[in-house]
């Protein structure tokens, strides 16, 4: 009976960790898209500029946006949180396998 409760709790925790992992993966992805766009904008700004002084203000603005996004990304630490939940989910799966393995060995001992 306790084994079933433990396995149910493990399954619930695995599902929660998987959902959290998915959420933080999306947050990480959402933070990276604007960085790709600002990097592309920087490339375009530098390639179309004939006079460096005329592109000074757009360059500063795009750099400021990039730095702001990177600092937000570093503050949130979505990558680290994603990895943490991924690791927890894997650990709960391993725990489940160990519990089921112990249960099978106990049943074999009873049958002998």
C-alpha atoms as a PDB file:
ATOM      1  CA  UNK A   1       0.000   0.000   0.000  1.00  0.00           C
ATOM      2  CA  UNK A   2       2.782   2.472   0.896  1.00  0.00           C
ATOM      3  CA  UNK A   3       4.553   1.587  -2.335  1.00  0.00           C
ATOM      4  CA  UNK A   4       1.486   2.610  -4.350  1.00  0.00           C
ATOM      5  CA  UNK A   5       1.235   5.937  -2.521  1.00  0.00           C
ATOM      6  CA  UNK A   6       4.912   6.562  -3.036  1.00  0.00           C
ATOM      7  CA  UNK A   7       4.688   5.732  -6.735  1.00  0.00           C
ATOM      8  CA  UNK A   8       1.656   8.020  -7.126  1.00  0.00           C
ATOM      9  CA  UNK A   9       3.464  10.883  -5.424  1.00  0.00           C
ATOM     10  CA  UNK A  10       6.518  10.248  -7.567  1.00  0.00           C
ATOM     11  CA  UNK A  11       4.380  10.310 -10.701  1.00  0.00           C
ATOM     12  CA  UNK A  12       2.760  13.593  -9.635  1.00  0.00           C
ATOM     13  CA  UNK A  13       6.158  15.145  -8.923  1.00  0.00           C
ATOM     14  CA  UNK A  14       7.508  13.922 -12.265  1.00  0.00           C
ATOM     15  CA  UNK A  15       4.555  15.500 -14.086  1.00  0.00           C
ATOM     16  CA  UNK A  16       4.947  18.776 -12.182  1.00  0.00           C
ATOM     17  CA  UNK A  17       8.673  18.895 -12.904  1.00  0.00           C
ATOM     18  CA  UNK A  18       8.046  18.122 -16.574  1.00  0.00           C
ATOM     19  CA  UNK A  19       5.471  20.921 -16.841  1.00  0.00           C
ATOM     20  CA  UNK A  20       7.799  23.344 -15.060  1.00  0.00           C
ATOM     21  CA  UNK A  21      10.626  22.256 -17.355  1.00  0.00           C
ATOM     22  CA  UNK A  22       8.435  22.962 -20.391  1.00  0.00           C
ATOM     23  CA  UNK A  23       7.433  26.377 -19.024  1.00  0.00           C
ATOM     24  CA  UNK A  24      11.023  27.437 -18.323  1.00  0.00           C
ATOM     25  CA  UNK A  25      12.124  26.136 -21.690  1.00  0.00           C
ATOM     26  CA  UNK A  26       9.581  28.480 -23.279  1.00  0.00           C
ATOM     27  CA  UNK A  27      10.790  31.381 -21.097  1.00  0.00           C
ATOM     28  CA  UNK A  28      14.386  30.666 -22.154  1.00  0.00           C
ATOM     29  CA  UNK A  29      13.340  30.521 -25.806  1.00  0.00           C
ATOM     30  CA  UNK A  30      11.325  33.742 -25.464  1.00  0.00           C
ATOM     31  CA  UNK A  31      14.354  35.541 -24.046  1.00  0.00           C
ATOM     32  CA  UNK A  32      16.630  34.333 -26.828  1.00  0.00           C
ATOM     33  CA  UNK A  33      14.408  35.418 -29.751  1.00  0.00           C
ATOM     34  CA  UNK A  34      14.754  39.174 -29.043  1.00  0.00           C
ATOM     35  CA  UNK A  35      18.526  38.740 -28.774  1.00  0.00           C
ATOM     36  CA  UNK A  36      18.624  37.146 -32.214  1.00  0.00           C
ATOM     37  CA  UNK A  37      16.500  39.982 -33.591  1.00  0.00           C
ATOM     38  CA  UNK A  38      18.669  42.708 -32.060  1.00  0.00           C
ATOM     39  CA  UNK A  39      21.821  40.997 -33.326  1.00  0.00           C
ATOM     40  CA  UNK A  40      20.300  40.897 -36.802  1.00  0.00           C
ATOM     41  CA  UNK A  41      19.338  44.555 -36.509  1.00  0.00           C
ATOM     42  CA  UNK A  42      22.908  45.397 -35.531  1.00  0.00           C
ATOM     43  CA  UNK A  43      24.213  43.562 -38.581  1.00  0.00           C
ATOM     44  CA  UNK A  44      21.788  45.418 -40.851  1.00  0.00           C
ATOM     45  CA  UNK A  45      22.622  48.787 -39.284  1.00  0.00           C
ATOM     46  CA  UNK A  46      26.337  48.228 -39.758  1.00  0.00           C
ATOM     47  CA  UNK A  47      25.981  47.012 -43.327  1.00  0.00           C
ATOM     48  CA  UNK A  48      23.814  49.909 -44.576  1.00  0.00           C
ATOM     49  CA  UNK A  49      25.738  52.699 -42.893  1.00  0.00           C
ATOM     50  CA  UNK A  50      27.847  54.823 -45.175  1.00  0.00           C
ATOM     51  CA  UNK A  51      28.528  57.419 -42.543  1.00  0.00           C
ATOM     52  CA  UNK A  52      29.320  56.112 -39.056  1.00  0.00           C
ATOM     53  CA  UNK A  53      27.989  59.271 -37.400  1.00  0.00           C
ATOM     54  CA  UNK A  54      24.538  58.929 -38.971  1.00  0.00           C
ATOM     55  CA  UNK A  55      24.068  55.449 -37.477  1.00  0.00           C
ATOM     56  CA  UNK A  56      25.372  56.326 -34.036  1.00  0.00           C
ATOM     57  CA  UNK A  57      21.975  56.777 -32.337  1.00  0.00           C
ATOM     58  CA  UNK A  58      20.323  53.619 -33.817  1.00  0.00           C
ATOM     59  CA  UNK A  59      23.449  51.674 -32.875  1.00  0.00           C
ATOM     60  CA  UNK A  60      23.268  52.908 -29.282  1.00  0.00           C
ATOM     61  CA  UNK A  61      19.553  52.101 -29.054  1.00  0.00           C
ATOM     62  CA  UNK A  62      19.936  48.554 -30.390  1.00  0.00           C
ATOM     63  CA  UNK A  63      22.943  47.945 -28.115  1.00  0.00           C
ATOM     64  CA  UNK A  64      20.970  49.205 -25.118  1.00  0.00           C
ATOM     65  CA  UNK A  65      18.061  46.902 -25.950  1.00  0.00           C
ATOM     66  CA  UNK A  66      20.437  43.932 -26.291  1.00  0.00           C
ATOM     67  CA  UNK A  67      22.103  44.668 -22.961  1.00  0.00           C
ATOM     68  CA  UNK A  68      18.707  45.087 -21.269  1.00  0.00           C
ATOM     69  CA  UNK A  69      17.480  41.729 -22.603  1.00  0.00           C
ATOM     70  CA  UNK A  70      20.701  39.976 -21.592  1.00  0.00           C
ATOM     71  CA  UNK A  71      20.534  41.406 -18.080  1.00  0.00           C
ATOM     72  CA  UNK A  72      16.908  40.298 -17.741  1.00  0.00           C
ATOM     73  CA  UNK A  73      17.862  36.849 -18.974  1.00  0.00           C
ATOM     74  CA  UNK A  74      20.706  36.690 -16.439  1.00  0.00           C
ATOM     75  CA  UNK A  75      18.411  37.877 -13.640  1.00  0.00           C
ATOM     76  CA  UNK A  76      15.719  35.321 -14.375  1.00  0.00           C
ATOM     77  CA  UNK A  77      18.242  32.501 -14.960  1.00  0.00           C
ATOM     78  CA  UNK A  78      15.751  30.551 -17.057  1.00  0.00           C
ATOM     79  CA  UNK A  79      18.441  28.183 -18.333  1.00  0.00           C
ATOM     80  CA  UNK A  80      19.488  27.165 -14.835  1.00  0.00           C
ATOM     81  CA  UNK A  81      15.908  26.699 -13.669  1.00  0.00           C
ATOM     82  CA  UNK A  82      15.118  24.661 -16.789  1.00  0.00           C
ATOM     83  CA  UNK A  83      18.089  22.368 -16.113  1.00  0.00           C
ATOM     84  CA  UNK A  84      17.137  22.027 -12.449  1.00  0.00           C
ATOM     85  CA  UNK A  85      13.595  20.873 -13.222  1.00  0.00           C
ATOM     86  CA  UNK A  86      14.877  18.570 -15.942  1.00  0.00           C
ATOM     87  CA  UNK A  87      17.298  16.962 -13.497  1.00  0.00           C
ATOM     88  CA  UNK A  88      14.576  16.625 -10.845  1.00  0.00           C
ATOM     89  CA  UNK A  89      12.243  14.932 -13.311  1.00  0.00           C
ATOM     90  CA  UNK A  90      14.954  12.436 -14.239  1.00  0.00           C
ATOM     91  CA  UNK A  91      15.702  11.753 -10.567  1.00  0.00           C
ATOM     92  CA  UNK A  92      12.038  11.025  -9.839  1.00  0.00           C
ATOM     93  CA  UNK A  93      11.968   8.588 -12.757  1.00  0.00           C
ATOM     94  CA  UNK A  94      15.064   6.812 -11.405  1.00  0.00           C
ATOM     95  CA  UNK A  95      13.470   6.694  -7.940  1.00  0.00           C
ATOM     96  CA  UNK A  96      10.381   5.074  -9.408  1.00  0.00           C
ATOM     97  CA  UNK A  97      12.451   2.433 -11.158  1.00  0.00           C
ATOM     98  CA  UNK A  98      14.341   1.684  -7.942  1.00  0.00           C
ATOM     99  CA  UNK A  99      11.098   1.320  -5.970  1.00  0.00           C
ATOM    100  CA  UNK A 100       9.621  -1.008  -8.561  1.00  0.00           C
ATOM    101  CA  UNK A 101      12.871  -3.001  -8.654  1.00  0.00           C
ATOM    102  CA  UNK A 102      12.869  -3.386  -4.875  1.00  0.00           C
ATOM    103  CA  UNK A 103       9.237  -4.476  -4.955  1.00  0.00           C
ATOM    104  CA  UNK A 104       9.968  -7.143  -7.564  1.00  0.00           C
ATOM    105  CA  UNK A 105      12.925  -8.493  -5.574  1.00  0.00           C
ATOM    106  CA  UNK A 106      10.763  -8.678  -2.425  1.00  0.00           C
ATOM    107  CA  UNK A 107       8.067 -10.582  -4.338  1.00  0.00           C
ATOM    108  CA  UNK A 108      10.684 -13.029  -5.670  1.00  0.00           C
ATOM    109  CA  UNK A 109      11.961 -13.646  -2.124  1.00  0.00           C
ATOM    110  CA  UNK A 110       8.412 -14.344  -0.919  1.00  0.00           C
ATOM    111  CA  UNK A 111       7.860 -16.882  -3.702  1.00  0.00           C
ATOM    112  CA  UNK A 112      11.047 -18.804  -2.840  1.00  0.00           C
END
